[in-house]
Each structure stands twice: as C-alpha cells, then as structure tokens.
Amino acid sequence: MNIDDKTFDFAYIMAFRDATMRNAFPRHSDEKDNDFHTRKRRIKNHSKPIVKNYIDAIMKDDNQMVPFTVINRLCDRDNTDQGFTFGNAQKLVNMTAKYMFLSAYGDTEKRELFKNCHCPMDGVMMERLREKCEEYTLKLEKFEIPWSRLKKDDEKSIKEYEKFQYYINQIAKQENIYPIEVDFMFWDE
C-alpha cells in the first residue's frame, strides 16, 4: 500500500465517522450493539470503492465524475436499506474530498484539482451559511430539513442540498476561493 492509498484510507475513515456520528446515523431502538456496528461496517465497506473512484477521478483531473453523481450512487439500495441517507452520503463524499484537499493544499496544481468539489453540508455549516449570507448581501431562507435527514428520492431534500451548494458557490466566487474552502473559512467562528 503506497502513501496515496494510506492517505485516502485515513481521509475516508475520518469522513465516515463524520457522516455517521451521533444523531446523523441513529441506532434502531431494538438494535444490539454488535448489530449496529455490523450495519455501519457493511455501509463503510460497500461505499469505500465508490468514494475511492471519485477521489481517483479528481486526482486525474477527470471532471466527468461530479459529486452529485457519486452521492446518488452511494444512495443505492444496499446502503439506504441500512439507514444511510442522501445526507449521510453527501457528508461522506464531501468530507473525504475535504480531507484529501488538505493533503494537497501546499501544491497549487493539486489544489486546483478540487475546484469542483462541494462543501460538506452539516448543521453547523447550514447555520453559518445562513448568518454569513447577510454579510455577502445574499438572502437565504432557513433550511427546513436537517442535513442527515436528506433523502435521495425526496425533491424537497434535493432542493435543500442544491440551495446550500448554490449559496456556498456565491460566497466562494466573492472570496475568489473554491467552494470546498468555504468550509475552512467558516469553521470554528
């Protein structure tokens, strides 16, 4: 295993934790501890090659594979039957890209490969975005659905995700940064 693979594995594991922590991926009321962890492990193992293909495409400067396509692919029956939502999938894909972006940050050419990546959507970023839009003279109404409850086949969920990314892009343009960098800009304010 080379350093690129190890870097991806680290990024993926950290992103999976982010995507499935606390209330974002709840345990079923009658679910035993072992069953819960088995369910999470199944999702993690099933999703890993899909996310890896996306990161590999980014690193090869292949803009054919867009985040939305990868997120939808993660929302296949194998995962959604396990309770993995569109919200969990977008967080996994976008956080993996964010961590990989950090590994390339010092290299201007590699950094540019992440220009089309989405900003991870979570409760903190949704609130920060709403607050910050006023500073950028953008009018953003409150989000109606928590990020972890976004569903692939729900039009309202998809519109919420698209709205989030639209406003992230507007701020990124004004700041002359990539959308994925907006997360760093707002983090821990």
N, C-alpha and C. Protein backbone atom coordinates (compact mmCIF):
# COMPACT_ATOMS: atom_id res chain seq x y z
N MET A 1 0.86 -1.18 0.00
CA MET A 1 0.00 0.00 0.00
C MET A 1 0.90 1.24 0.00
N ASN A 2 0.67 2.14 -0.95
CA ASN A 2 1.50 3.35 -1.04
C ASN A 2 0.91 4.48 -0.19
N ILE A 3 1.63 5.58 -0.12
CA ILE A 3 1.22 6.69 0.73
C ILE A 3 -0.10 7.31 0.26
N ASP A 4 -0.35 7.34 -1.05
CA ASP A 4 -1.62 7.88 -1.54
C ASP A 4 -2.79 7.04 -1.06
N ASP A 5 -2.62 5.71 -1.08
CA ASP A 5 -3.68 4.82 -0.60
C ASP A 5 -3.89 4.99 0.91
N LYS A 6 -2.80 5.14 1.63
CA LYS A 6 -2.91 5.32 3.09
C LYS A 6 -3.56 6.67 3.41
N THR A 7 -3.22 7.68 2.64
CA THR A 7 -3.84 8.99 2.84
C THR A 7 -5.33 8.91 2.57
N PHE A 8 -5.71 8.23 1.48
CA PHE A 8 -7.13 8.05 1.20
C PHE A 8 -7.82 7.29 2.33
N ASP A 9 -7.23 6.19 2.78
CA ASP A 9 -7.84 5.40 3.85
C ASP A 9 -8.09 6.25 5.09
N PHE A 10 -7.10 7.06 5.46
CA PHE A 10 -7.26 7.94 6.61
C PHE A 10 -8.40 8.92 6.38
N ALA A 11 -8.39 9.57 5.22
CA ALA A 11 -9.43 10.56 4.89
C ALA A 11 -10.81 9.90 4.89
N TYR A 12 -10.91 8.72 4.31
CA TYR A 12 -12.19 8.02 4.22
C TYR A 12 -12.71 7.63 5.61
N ILE A 13 -11.84 7.10 6.44
CA ILE A 13 -12.27 6.69 7.79
C ILE A 13 -12.73 7.91 8.59
N MET A 14 -11.99 9.00 8.53
CA MET A 14 -12.39 10.21 9.24
C MET A 14 -13.72 10.75 8.70
N ALA A 15 -13.88 10.74 7.39
CA ALA A 15 -15.12 11.22 6.77
C ALA A 15 -16.29 10.32 7.14
N PHE A 16 -16.06 9.01 7.17
CA PHE A 16 -17.14 8.09 7.54
C PHE A 16 -17.60 8.35 8.97
N ARG A 17 -16.66 8.61 9.85
CA ARG A 17 -17.02 8.96 11.23
C ARG A 17 -17.86 10.23 11.27
N ASP A 18 -17.45 11.23 10.50
CA ASP A 18 -18.21 12.49 10.43
C ASP A 18 -19.62 12.25 9.91
N ALA A 19 -19.75 11.39 8.92
CA ALA A 19 -21.04 11.16 8.26
C ALA A 19 -22.00 10.32 9.09
N THR A 20 -21.47 9.58 10.05
CA THR A 20 -22.33 8.65 10.80
C THR A 20 -22.28 8.87 12.31
N MET A 21 -21.83 10.02 12.74
CA MET A 21 -21.71 10.25 14.18
C MET A 21 -23.05 10.63 14.82
N ARG A 22 -23.15 10.39 16.09
CA ARG A 22 -24.29 10.78 16.94
C ARG A 22 -25.64 10.59 16.27
N ASN A 23 -26.39 11.66 16.14
CA ASN A 23 -27.75 11.58 15.60
C ASN A 23 -27.81 11.46 14.09
N ALA A 24 -26.69 11.61 13.41
CA ALA A 24 -26.68 11.56 11.95
C ALA A 24 -26.98 10.15 11.43
N PHE A 25 -26.66 9.16 12.21
CA PHE A 25 -26.88 7.76 11.82
C PHE A 25 -27.33 7.01 13.07
N PRO A 26 -28.61 7.11 13.40
CA PRO A 26 -29.08 6.56 14.68
C PRO A 26 -29.18 5.04 14.69
N ARG A 27 -29.05 4.53 15.87
CA ARG A 27 -29.24 3.11 16.13
C ARG A 27 -30.75 2.85 16.18
N HIS A 28 -31.19 1.72 15.63
CA HIS A 28 -32.60 1.35 15.74
C HIS A 28 -32.90 1.05 17.21
N SER A 29 -34.12 1.32 17.62
CA SER A 29 -34.46 1.20 19.04
C SER A 29 -34.20 -0.20 19.61
N ASP A 30 -34.40 -1.23 18.81
CA ASP A 30 -34.22 -2.60 19.31
C ASP A 30 -32.88 -3.21 18.87
N GLU A 31 -32.00 -2.39 18.33
CA GLU A 31 -30.75 -2.89 17.75
C GLU A 31 -29.67 -3.10 18.81
N LYS A 32 -29.09 -4.27 18.80
CA LYS A 32 -27.99 -4.57 19.71
C LYS A 32 -26.71 -3.90 19.21
N ASP A 33 -25.79 -3.68 20.11
CA ASP A 33 -24.53 -3.01 19.80
C ASP A 33 -23.80 -3.67 18.63
N ASN A 34 -23.65 -4.96 18.67
CA ASN A 34 -22.94 -5.69 17.62
C ASN A 34 -23.64 -5.53 16.27
N ASP A 35 -24.97 -5.59 16.26
CA ASP A 35 -25.73 -5.44 15.02
C ASP A 35 -25.57 -4.04 14.43
N PHE A 36 -25.56 -3.04 15.30
CA PHE A 36 -25.38 -1.66 14.85
C PHE A 36 -24.02 -1.48 14.18
N HIS A 37 -22.97 -1.99 14.80
CA HIS A 37 -21.63 -1.84 14.23
C HIS A 37 -21.45 -2.67 12.96
N THR A 38 -22.11 -3.81 12.89
CA THR A 38 -22.08 -4.63 11.67
C THR A 38 -22.75 -3.87 10.53
N ARG A 39 -23.87 -3.22 10.82
CA ARG A 39 -24.59 -2.44 9.80
C ARG A 39 -23.71 -1.29 9.30
N LYS A 40 -23.06 -0.58 10.21
CA LYS A 40 -22.17 0.51 9.80
C LYS A 40 -20.99 0.00 8.98
N ARG A 41 -20.43 -1.13 9.39
CA ARG A 41 -19.29 -1.71 8.67
C ARG A 41 -19.68 -2.11 7.25
N ARG A 42 -20.89 -2.66 7.09
CA ARG A 42 -21.38 -3.03 5.75
C ARG A 42 -21.45 -1.80 4.84
N ILE A 43 -21.97 -0.72 5.37
CA ILE A 43 -22.08 0.52 4.59
C ILE A 43 -20.68 1.05 4.27
N LYS A 44 -19.81 1.06 5.26
CA LYS A 44 -18.44 1.57 5.06
C LYS A 44 -17.72 0.78 3.98
N ASN A 45 -17.81 -0.52 4.02
CA ASN A 45 -17.13 -1.37 3.04
C ASN A 45 -17.76 -1.26 1.65
N HIS A 46 -19.08 -1.16 1.60
CA HIS A 46 -19.78 -1.03 0.32
C HIS A 46 -19.47 0.32 -0.34
N SER A 47 -19.37 1.37 0.44
CA SER A 47 -19.20 2.73 -0.08
C SER A 47 -17.76 3.07 -0.46
N LYS A 48 -16.82 2.43 0.18
CA LYS A 48 -15.41 2.80 0.00
C LYS A 48 -14.95 2.80 -1.45
N PRO A 49 -15.19 1.74 -2.25
CA PRO A 49 -14.69 1.79 -3.64
C PRO A 49 -15.36 2.88 -4.48
N ILE A 50 -16.59 3.21 -4.16
CA ILE A 50 -17.30 4.27 -4.89
C ILE A 50 -16.64 5.62 -4.62
N VAL A 51 -16.37 5.89 -3.35
CA VAL A 51 -15.72 7.15 -2.98
C VAL A 51 -14.28 7.17 -3.49
N LYS A 52 -13.60 6.05 -3.44
CA LYS A 52 -12.22 5.95 -3.94
C LYS A 52 -12.16 6.28 -5.43
N ASN A 53 -13.11 5.77 -6.21
CA ASN A 53 -13.16 6.08 -7.64
C ASN A 53 -13.33 7.58 -7.87
N TYR A 54 -14.13 8.22 -7.04
CA TYR A 54 -14.34 9.66 -7.15
C TYR A 54 -13.04 10.42 -6.86
N ILE A 55 -12.37 10.07 -5.78
CA ILE A 55 -11.12 10.74 -5.42
C ILE A 55 -10.06 10.48 -6.50
N ASP A 56 -9.99 9.26 -7.00
CA ASP A 56 -9.05 8.95 -8.09
C ASP A 56 -9.34 9.81 -9.32
N ALA A 57 -10.63 9.99 -9.63
CA ALA A 57 -11.01 10.83 -10.77
C ALA A 57 -10.57 12.28 -10.55
N ILE A 58 -10.74 12.78 -9.34
CA ILE A 58 -10.29 14.14 -9.02
C ILE A 58 -8.78 14.25 -9.26
N MET A 59 -8.04 13.30 -8.74
CA MET A 59 -6.58 13.35 -8.83
C MET A 59 -6.08 13.21 -10.27
N LYS A 60 -6.91 12.63 -11.14
CA LYS A 60 -6.55 12.51 -12.56
C LYS A 60 -7.11 13.68 -13.37
N ASP A 61 -7.71 14.65 -12.68
CA ASP A 61 -8.32 15.81 -13.32
C ASP A 61 -9.43 15.40 -14.28
N ASP A 62 -10.19 14.38 -13.90
CA ASP A 62 -11.31 13.88 -14.69
C ASP A 62 -12.59 14.51 -14.14
N ASN A 63 -13.06 15.53 -14.81
CA ASN A 63 -14.25 16.25 -14.33
C ASN A 63 -15.56 15.59 -14.72
N GLN A 64 -15.48 14.38 -15.26
CA GLN A 64 -16.70 13.66 -15.66
C GLN A 64 -17.51 13.24 -14.43
N MET A 65 -16.82 12.91 -13.36
CA MET A 65 -17.49 12.42 -12.17
C MET A 65 -17.75 13.59 -11.22
N VAL A 66 -18.98 14.01 -11.12
CA VAL A 66 -19.33 15.15 -10.27
C VAL A 66 -19.85 14.64 -8.92
N PRO A 67 -19.72 15.44 -7.87
CA PRO A 67 -20.11 14.99 -6.54
C PRO A 67 -21.54 14.46 -6.47
N PHE A 68 -22.47 15.14 -7.13
CA PHE A 68 -23.87 14.75 -7.04
C PHE A 68 -24.08 13.33 -7.56
N THR A 69 -23.38 12.96 -8.63
CA THR A 69 -23.49 11.61 -9.19
C THR A 69 -22.98 10.57 -8.19
N VAL A 70 -21.87 10.85 -7.56
CA VAL A 70 -21.28 9.92 -6.59
C VAL A 70 -22.19 9.78 -5.38
N ILE A 71 -22.71 10.89 -4.90
CA ILE A 71 -23.62 10.86 -3.75
C ILE A 71 -24.83 9.99 -4.07
N ASN A 72 -25.41 10.18 -5.24
CA ASN A 72 -26.56 9.36 -5.63
C ASN A 72 -26.19 7.89 -5.73
N ARG A 73 -25.01 7.60 -6.22
CA ARG A 73 -24.57 6.21 -6.32
C ARG A 73 -24.46 5.57 -4.93
N LEU A 74 -24.07 6.35 -3.94
CA LEU A 74 -23.99 5.83 -2.58
C LEU A 74 -25.36 5.59 -1.97
N CYS A 75 -26.37 6.20 -2.56
CA CYS A 75 -27.74 6.03 -2.06
C CYS A 75 -28.43 4.85 -2.73
N ASP A 76 -27.66 3.84 -3.09
CA ASP A 76 -28.27 2.66 -3.69
C ASP A 76 -28.97 1.85 -2.60
N ARG A 77 -29.66 0.82 -3.03
CA ARG A 77 -30.47 0.04 -2.11
C ARG A 77 -29.64 -0.61 -1.00
N ASP A 78 -28.43 -1.04 -1.33
CA ASP A 78 -27.59 -1.68 -0.31
C ASP A 78 -27.35 -0.76 0.88
N ASN A 79 -27.24 0.52 0.64
CA ASN A 79 -26.99 1.46 1.73
C ASN A 79 -28.28 2.01 2.34
N THR A 80 -29.24 2.40 1.50
CA THR A 80 -30.45 3.00 2.06
C THR A 80 -31.24 2.00 2.88
N ASP A 81 -31.18 0.72 2.52
CA ASP A 81 -31.83 -0.30 3.35
C ASP A 81 -31.19 -0.39 4.73
N GLN A 82 -29.97 0.09 4.84
CA GLN A 82 -29.25 0.08 6.11
C GLN A 82 -29.46 1.38 6.89
N GLY A 83 -30.23 2.32 6.35
CA GLY A 83 -30.50 3.59 7.03
C GLY A 83 -29.55 4.71 6.65
N PHE A 84 -28.79 4.53 5.59
CA PHE A 84 -27.83 5.53 5.13
C PHE A 84 -28.55 6.47 4.18
N THR A 85 -28.64 7.75 4.52
CA THR A 85 -29.43 8.71 3.75
C THR A 85 -28.57 9.48 2.74
N PHE A 86 -29.24 10.25 1.89
CA PHE A 86 -28.56 11.17 0.98
C PHE A 86 -27.69 12.12 1.80
N GLY A 87 -28.20 12.56 2.94
CA GLY A 87 -27.43 13.45 3.82
C GLY A 87 -26.14 12.81 4.31
N ASN A 88 -26.23 11.54 4.73
CA ASN A 88 -25.02 10.82 5.15
C ASN A 88 -24.06 10.67 3.98
N ALA A 89 -24.60 10.36 2.80
CA ALA A 89 -23.77 10.14 1.61
C ALA A 89 -23.04 11.41 1.20
N GLN A 90 -23.74 12.55 1.18
CA GLN A 90 -23.07 13.80 0.79
C GLN A 90 -21.99 14.16 1.79
N LYS A 91 -22.24 13.90 3.05
CA LYS A 91 -21.23 14.22 4.07
C LYS A 91 -20.00 13.33 3.88
N LEU A 92 -20.21 12.04 3.58
CA LEU A 92 -19.09 11.12 3.36
C LEU A 92 -18.26 11.54 2.15
N VAL A 93 -18.92 11.80 1.04
CA VAL A 93 -18.21 12.18 -0.19
C VAL A 93 -17.49 13.51 -0.02
N ASN A 94 -18.21 14.50 0.50
CA ASN A 94 -17.64 15.84 0.59
C ASN A 94 -16.57 15.97 1.67
N MET A 95 -16.72 15.24 2.77
CA MET A 95 -15.68 15.28 3.81
C MET A 95 -14.43 14.52 3.35
N THR A 96 -14.60 13.42 2.62
CA THR A 96 -13.43 12.72 2.09
C THR A 96 -12.66 13.66 1.16
N ALA A 97 -13.39 14.34 0.29
CA ALA A 97 -12.73 15.30 -0.62
C ALA A 97 -12.05 16.42 0.17
N LYS A 98 -12.71 16.88 1.23
CA LYS A 98 -12.13 17.95 2.06
C LYS A 98 -10.81 17.50 2.70
N TYR A 99 -10.79 16.30 3.25
CA TYR A 99 -9.55 15.80 3.87
C TYR A 99 -8.46 15.57 2.82
N MET A 100 -8.84 15.09 1.65
CA MET A 100 -7.85 14.90 0.58
C MET A 100 -7.34 16.25 0.08
N PHE A 101 -8.23 17.24 0.03
CA PHE A 101 -7.84 18.59 -0.35
C PHE A 101 -6.76 19.12 0.60
N LEU A 102 -6.93 18.87 1.88
CA LEU A 102 -5.93 19.31 2.86
C LEU A 102 -4.57 18.69 2.56
N SER A 103 -4.57 17.44 2.13
CA SER A 103 -3.28 16.78 1.85
C SER A 103 -2.60 17.38 0.63
N ALA A 104 -3.36 18.08 -0.22
CA ALA A 104 -2.81 18.68 -1.44
C ALA A 104 -2.65 20.19 -1.32
N TYR A 105 -2.98 20.75 -0.18
CA TYR A 105 -3.08 22.20 -0.06
C TYR A 105 -1.79 22.94 -0.42
N GLY A 106 -0.65 22.40 -0.08
CA GLY A 106 0.61 23.07 -0.36
C GLY A 106 1.04 23.02 -1.81
N ASP A 107 0.37 22.22 -2.61
CA ASP A 107 0.71 22.04 -4.02
C ASP A 107 -0.38 22.71 -4.87
N THR A 108 -0.07 23.87 -5.44
CA THR A 108 -1.05 24.66 -6.18
C THR A 108 -1.73 23.88 -7.29
N GLU A 109 -0.97 23.08 -8.02
CA GLU A 109 -1.56 22.29 -9.11
C GLU A 109 -2.53 21.25 -8.58
N LYS A 110 -2.14 20.55 -7.54
CA LYS A 110 -3.04 19.54 -6.96
C LYS A 110 -4.26 20.20 -6.33
N ARG A 111 -4.04 21.32 -5.69
CA ARG A 111 -5.15 22.04 -5.05
C ARG A 111 -6.24 22.38 -6.05
N GLU A 112 -5.82 22.77 -7.23
CA GLU A 112 -6.78 23.15 -8.27
C GLU A 112 -7.67 21.98 -8.70
N LEU A 113 -7.20 20.77 -8.53
CA LEU A 113 -7.99 19.59 -8.90
C LEU A 113 -9.30 19.50 -8.12
N PHE A 114 -9.37 20.18 -6.99
CA PHE A 114 -10.54 20.11 -6.12
C PHE A 114 -11.53 21.25 -6.35
N LYS A 115 -11.33 22.00 -7.42
CA LYS A 115 -12.14 23.21 -7.66
C LYS A 115 -13.63 22.93 -7.84
N ASN A 116 -13.99 21.73 -8.26
CA ASN A 116 -15.40 21.41 -8.49
C ASN A 116 -16.04 20.62 -7.34
N CYS A 117 -15.29 20.41 -6.28
CA CYS A 117 -15.83 19.66 -5.14
C CYS A 117 -16.84 20.51 -4.38
N HIS A 118 -17.78 19.84 -3.76
CA HIS A 118 -18.80 20.52 -2.96
C HIS A 118 -18.31 20.73 -1.54
N CYS A 119 -18.87 21.72 -0.91
CA CYS A 119 -18.64 21.97 0.51
C CYS A 119 -19.50 20.98 1.31
N PRO A 120 -18.95 20.34 2.34
CA PRO A 120 -19.76 19.44 3.15
C PRO A 120 -20.90 20.19 3.84
N MET A 121 -22.07 19.59 3.80
CA MET A 121 -23.26 20.19 4.41
C MET A 121 -23.51 19.51 5.75
N ASP A 122 -23.54 20.31 6.81
CA ASP A 122 -23.93 19.80 8.12
C ASP A 122 -24.61 20.93 8.88
N GLY A 123 -25.07 20.63 10.08
CA GLY A 123 -25.83 21.61 10.84
C GLY A 123 -25.07 22.90 11.11
N VAL A 124 -23.81 22.78 11.45
CA VAL A 124 -23.00 23.97 11.74
C VAL A 124 -22.85 24.82 10.48
N MET A 125 -22.51 24.18 9.37
CA MET A 125 -22.32 24.94 8.12
C MET A 125 -23.63 25.53 7.62
N MET A 126 -24.74 24.83 7.82
CA MET A 126 -26.03 25.38 7.41
C MET A 126 -26.33 26.67 8.17
N GLU A 127 -26.06 26.65 9.47
CA GLU A 127 -26.29 27.84 10.29
C GLU A 127 -25.31 28.96 9.96
N ARG A 128 -24.03 28.62 9.81
CA ARG A 128 -23.02 29.63 9.45
C ARG A 128 -23.35 30.28 8.11
N LEU A 129 -23.75 29.46 7.16
CA LEU A 129 -24.08 29.97 5.83
C LEU A 129 -25.23 30.96 5.92
N ARG A 130 -26.25 30.60 6.68
CA ARG A 130 -27.40 31.49 6.83
C ARG A 130 -26.96 32.82 7.44
N GLU A 131 -26.12 32.77 8.46
CA GLU A 131 -25.63 34.00 9.10
C GLU A 131 -24.76 34.81 8.14
N LYS A 132 -23.87 34.14 7.43
CA LYS A 132 -22.90 34.82 6.57
C LYS A 132 -23.52 35.40 5.31
N CYS A 133 -24.61 34.82 4.84
CA CYS A 133 -25.23 35.33 3.62
C CYS A 133 -25.60 36.80 3.75
N GLU A 134 -26.00 37.21 4.94
CA GLU A 134 -26.33 38.62 5.16
C GLU A 134 -25.11 39.51 4.91
N GLU A 135 -23.94 39.09 5.36
CA GLU A 135 -22.72 39.86 5.15
C GLU A 135 -22.38 39.98 3.67
N TYR A 136 -22.77 39.00 2.90
CA TYR A 136 -22.48 38.99 1.46
C TYR A 136 -23.67 39.49 0.64
N THR A 137 -24.61 40.12 1.31
CA THR A 137 -25.84 40.64 0.69
C THR A 137 -26.56 39.57 -0.13
N LEU A 138 -26.60 38.39 0.42
CA LEU A 138 -27.35 37.29 -0.18
C LEU A 138 -28.50 36.96 0.76
N LYS A 139 -29.66 36.71 0.19
CA LYS A 139 -30.82 36.40 1.02
C LYS A 139 -31.07 34.90 0.99
N LEU A 140 -30.90 34.28 2.12
CA LEU A 140 -31.08 32.84 2.25
C LEU A 140 -32.11 32.56 3.32
N GLU A 141 -33.16 31.86 2.93
CA GLU A 141 -34.18 31.47 3.91
C GLU A 141 -33.69 30.27 4.70
N LYS A 142 -34.27 30.08 5.86
CA LYS A 142 -33.87 28.99 6.75
C LYS A 142 -34.04 27.63 6.06
N PHE A 143 -33.13 26.73 6.35
CA PHE A 143 -33.23 25.37 5.85
C PHE A 143 -34.33 24.64 6.62
N GLU A 144 -35.08 23.81 5.92
CA GLU A 144 -36.21 23.14 6.54
C GLU A 144 -35.92 21.70 6.97
N ILE A 145 -34.88 21.11 6.41
CA ILE A 145 -34.60 19.70 6.68
C ILE A 145 -33.17 19.58 7.23
N PRO A 146 -33.00 18.88 8.35
CA PRO A 146 -31.63 18.65 8.84
C PRO A 146 -30.83 17.87 7.81
N TRP A 147 -29.54 18.13 7.71
CA TRP A 147 -28.70 17.52 6.68
C TRP A 147 -28.75 16.00 6.71
N SER A 148 -28.80 15.41 7.89
CA SER A 148 -28.75 13.95 7.99
C SER A 148 -30.07 13.29 7.59
N ARG A 149 -31.11 14.08 7.42
CA ARG A 149 -32.43 13.54 7.04
C ARG A 149 -32.74 13.76 5.55
N LEU A 150 -31.79 14.32 4.82
CA LEU A 150 -31.99 14.49 3.38
C LEU A 150 -32.08 13.13 2.71
N LYS A 151 -33.06 12.98 1.83
CA LYS A 151 -33.27 11.70 1.15
C LYS A 151 -33.15 11.86 -0.36
N LYS A 152 -32.60 10.84 -1.00
CA LYS A 152 -32.34 10.88 -2.45
C LYS A 152 -33.61 11.09 -3.27
N ASP A 153 -34.67 10.40 -2.92
CA ASP A 153 -35.89 10.43 -3.73
C ASP A 153 -36.89 11.49 -3.28
N ASP A 154 -36.46 12.41 -2.44
CA ASP A 154 -37.33 13.47 -1.95
C ASP A 154 -36.92 14.79 -2.60
N GLU A 155 -37.79 15.32 -3.43
CA GLU A 155 -37.48 16.54 -4.19
C GLU A 155 -37.10 17.70 -3.27
N LYS A 156 -37.79 17.82 -2.15
CA LYS A 156 -37.50 18.90 -1.21
C LYS A 156 -36.08 18.76 -0.63
N SER A 157 -35.68 17.53 -0.35
CA SER A 157 -34.32 17.28 0.15
C SER A 157 -33.27 17.70 -0.86
N ILE A 158 -33.48 17.32 -2.10
CA ILE A 158 -32.51 17.65 -3.15
C ILE A 158 -32.43 19.16 -3.34
N LYS A 159 -33.57 19.82 -3.29
CA LYS A 159 -33.58 21.29 -3.42
C LYS A 159 -32.82 21.95 -2.26
N GLU A 160 -32.95 21.41 -1.07
CA GLU A 160 -32.22 21.95 0.09
C GLU A 160 -30.71 21.83 -0.14
N TYR A 161 -30.29 20.66 -0.62
CA TYR A 161 -28.86 20.44 -0.88
C TYR A 161 -28.37 21.38 -1.98
N GLU A 162 -29.14 21.50 -3.04
CA GLU A 162 -28.76 22.39 -4.15
C GLU A 162 -28.72 23.84 -3.70
N LYS A 163 -29.67 24.23 -2.85
CA LYS A 163 -29.70 25.60 -2.32
C LYS A 163 -28.43 25.86 -1.50
N PHE A 164 -28.08 24.93 -0.65
CA PHE A 164 -26.86 25.06 0.16
C PHE A 164 -25.65 25.25 -0.74
N GLN A 165 -25.48 24.40 -1.73
CA GLN A 165 -24.31 24.48 -2.62
C GLN A 165 -24.34 25.77 -3.46
N TYR A 166 -25.52 26.21 -3.87
CA TYR A 166 -25.63 27.45 -4.64
C TYR A 166 -25.07 28.63 -3.84
N TYR A 167 -25.50 28.76 -2.59
CA TYR A 167 -25.04 29.89 -1.78
C TYR A 167 -23.57 29.75 -1.38
N ILE A 168 -23.11 28.54 -1.17
CA ILE A 168 -21.68 28.32 -0.94
C ILE A 168 -20.90 28.81 -2.16
N ASN A 169 -21.37 28.47 -3.35
CA ASN A 169 -20.70 28.90 -4.58
C ASN A 169 -20.70 30.42 -4.73
N GLN A 170 -21.79 31.06 -4.35
CA GLN A 170 -21.85 32.52 -4.44
C GLN A 170 -20.79 33.17 -3.54
N ILE A 171 -20.66 32.66 -2.34
CA ILE A 171 -19.64 33.20 -1.42
C ILE A 171 -18.24 32.87 -1.93
N ALA A 172 -18.04 31.66 -2.42
CA ALA A 172 -16.72 31.26 -2.95
C ALA A 172 -16.30 32.20 -4.08
N LYS A 173 -17.23 32.53 -4.96
CA LYS A 173 -16.92 33.46 -6.06
C LYS A 173 -16.51 34.82 -5.53
N GLN A 174 -17.26 35.33 -4.56
CA GLN A 174 -16.94 36.65 -4.00
C GLN A 174 -15.58 36.65 -3.29
N GLU A 175 -15.22 35.52 -2.70
CA GLU A 175 -13.94 35.42 -1.97
C GLU A 175 -12.80 34.94 -2.86
N ASN A 176 -13.12 34.56 -4.10
CA ASN A 176 -12.14 34.03 -5.04
C ASN A 176 -11.43 32.78 -4.49
N ILE A 177 -12.25 31.86 -3.98
CA ILE A 177 -11.77 30.58 -3.47
C ILE A 177 -12.65 29.48 -4.05
N TYR A 178 -12.27 28.24 -3.80
CA TYR A 178 -13.07 27.10 -4.23
C TYR A 178 -14.18 26.85 -3.22
N PRO A 179 -15.32 26.29 -3.67
CA PRO A 179 -16.42 26.02 -2.73
C PRO A 179 -16.00 25.18 -1.52
N ILE A 180 -15.12 24.21 -1.74
CA ILE A 180 -14.69 23.36 -0.62
C ILE A 180 -13.95 24.17 0.44
N GLU A 181 -13.36 25.30 0.07
CA GLU A 181 -12.62 26.14 1.01
C GLU A 181 -13.52 26.98 1.90
N VAL A 182 -14.77 27.15 1.50
CA VAL A 182 -15.70 27.94 2.32
C VAL A 182 -15.86 27.28 3.68
N ASP A 183 -15.82 25.96 3.71
CA ASP A 183 -15.92 25.23 4.98
C ASP A 183 -14.82 25.67 5.94
N PHE A 184 -13.61 25.83 5.46
CA PHE A 184 -12.49 26.27 6.31
C PHE A 184 -12.68 27.72 6.74
N MET A 185 -13.22 28.52 5.85
CA MET A 185 -13.41 29.93 6.11
C MET A 185 -14.39 30.15 7.27
N PHE A 186 -15.44 29.32 7.34
CA PHE A 186 -16.47 29.48 8.36
C PHE A 186 -16.23 28.64 9.60
N TRP A 187 -15.32 27.68 9.50
CA TRP A 187 -15.15 26.72 10.59
C TRP A 187 -14.71 27.42 11.86
N ASP A 188 -15.33 27.02 12.96
CA ASP A 188 -14.96 27.46 14.30
C ASP A 188 -15.09 28.96 14.52
N GLU A 189 -16.07 29.57 13.89
CA GLU A 189 -16.31 31.00 14.14
C GLU A 189 -17.25 31.18 15.30
